[in-house]
Amino acid sequence: MPFSVRVTDYQKNVMLNICDAELLGKNIVEDELNMHISESYYGDQIIEAEEAKTLLKNSSIINMVGEETVSMSIELGIGSENGVKKISGVPFLIVFKM
């Protein structure tokens, strides 16, 4: 499963924006909520699972969208099921590591 990522430095922290690659460029809409999975935010490069795991472990701020991405982060102990929200059934999770 490929993942689409953008890694940036944000206030001396590594910020990772990561999503399931098939979601890139899509709009997820539910009632008044609208999330655009933009290439400018998530689409710097396409990577595979092992590199995604490394980035998830080494990033301080993580914005993630998609079933595979969120499941992988929870399996790694990054974030928890309690923090997962869904828009039209698509999970997203934001993690700040302290």
Protein backbone atom coordinates (compact mmCIF):
# COMPACT_ATOMS: atom_id res chain seq x y z
CA MET A 1 0.00 0.00 0.00
CA PRO A 2 1.55 3.30 -1.03
CA PHE A 3 1.32 6.41 1.13
CA SER A 4 1.56 10.04 0.09
CA VAL A 5 3.61 12.27 2.40
CA ARG A 6 4.97 15.75 2.96
CA VAL A 7 7.58 16.29 5.67
CA THR A 8 8.33 19.81 6.91
CA ASP A 9 10.02 21.52 9.82
CA TYR A 10 7.52 23.40 11.94
CA GLN A 11 8.71 25.40 14.97
CA LYS A 12 11.73 23.11 15.45
CA ASN A 13 9.57 19.97 15.12
CA VAL A 14 9.27 17.47 12.29
CA MET A 15 5.73 17.67 10.90
CA LEU A 16 4.44 14.77 8.84
CA ASN A 17 1.35 14.99 6.65
CA ILE A 18 0.51 11.48 5.47
CA CYS A 19 -2.45 9.84 3.74
CA ASP A 20 -3.39 6.69 1.88
CA ALA A 21 -2.15 7.48 -1.64
CA GLU A 22 -5.52 6.74 -3.28
CA LEU A 23 -7.09 9.62 -1.30
CA LEU A 24 -4.75 12.26 -2.76
CA GLY A 25 -6.71 14.98 -4.54
CA LYS A 26 -10.11 13.86 -3.22
CA ASN A 27 -12.75 15.77 -1.28
CA ILE A 28 -14.39 14.03 1.64
CA VAL A 29 -17.74 15.56 2.51
CA GLU A 30 -20.24 14.86 5.28
CA ASP A 31 -22.94 17.38 6.13
CA GLU A 32 -21.18 20.73 6.67
CA LEU A 33 -17.71 19.14 6.93
CA ASN A 34 -15.49 19.17 3.86
CA MET A 35 -11.91 17.90 3.89
CA HIS A 36 -9.79 18.29 0.75
CA ILE A 37 -6.82 15.90 0.62
CA SER A 38 -4.67 18.31 -1.37
CA GLU A 39 -1.43 17.57 -3.19
CA SER A 40 0.05 20.76 -1.74
CA TYR A 41 -0.48 19.45 1.82
CA TYR A 42 -0.03 15.66 1.47
CA GLY A 43 1.55 15.10 -1.94
CA ASP A 44 5.29 15.71 -1.88
CA GLN A 45 6.26 12.05 -2.43
CA ILE A 46 4.86 8.52 -2.61
CA ILE A 47 6.43 5.99 -0.24
CA GLU A 48 5.88 2.40 0.86
CA ALA A 49 4.93 1.03 4.28
CA GLU A 50 8.41 0.60 5.81
CA GLU A 51 9.39 4.20 5.10
CA ALA A 52 5.99 5.37 6.35
CA LYS A 53 6.55 3.53 9.63
CA THR A 54 9.93 5.21 10.08
CA LEU A 55 8.46 8.65 9.42
CA LEU A 56 5.56 8.03 11.81
CA LYS A 57 7.97 7.00 14.57
CA ASN A 58 10.31 9.97 14.04
CA SER A 59 7.85 12.84 13.56
CA SER A 60 6.62 15.15 16.33
CA ILE A 61 3.43 16.43 14.69
CA ILE A 62 1.45 14.09 12.45
CA ASN A 63 -1.64 14.83 10.36
CA MET A 64 -2.95 11.58 8.89
CA VAL A 65 -5.90 10.52 6.76
CA GLY A 66 -7.03 7.11 5.55
CA GLU A 67 -7.76 3.63 6.81
CA GLU A 68 -4.27 2.20 6.17
CA THR A 69 -2.42 5.23 7.51
CA VAL A 70 -4.42 5.54 10.73
CA SER A 71 -4.39 1.75 11.33
CA MET A 72 -0.62 1.63 10.92
CA SER A 73 -0.09 4.48 13.37
CA ILE A 74 -2.30 2.84 16.01
CA GLU A 75 -0.48 -0.50 15.54
CA LEU A 76 2.79 1.38 16.18
CA GLY A 77 1.38 2.91 19.38
CA ILE A 78 1.19 6.39 17.86
CA GLY A 79 -2.16 7.93 18.73
CA SER A 80 -5.16 5.94 19.87
CA GLU A 81 -8.57 4.82 18.65
CA ASN A 82 -10.13 7.44 20.96
CA GLY A 83 -8.59 10.25 18.91
CA VAL A 84 -9.78 8.99 15.52
CA LYS A 85 -12.55 10.98 13.84
CA LYS A 86 -14.32 10.07 10.60
CA ILE A 87 -15.78 12.06 7.74
CA SER A 88 -17.93 9.92 5.44
CA GLY A 89 -16.27 6.84 6.94
CA VAL A 90 -12.72 8.04 6.19
CA PRO A 91 -10.64 8.17 9.40
CA PHE A 92 -8.32 11.02 10.28
CA LEU A 93 -6.07 11.57 13.28
CA ILE A 94 -3.82 14.38 14.45
CA VAL A 95 -1.00 13.55 16.88
CA PHE A 96 1.30 15.88 18.84
CA LYS A 97 4.11 14.01 20.56
CA MET A 98 5.41 15.61 23.73
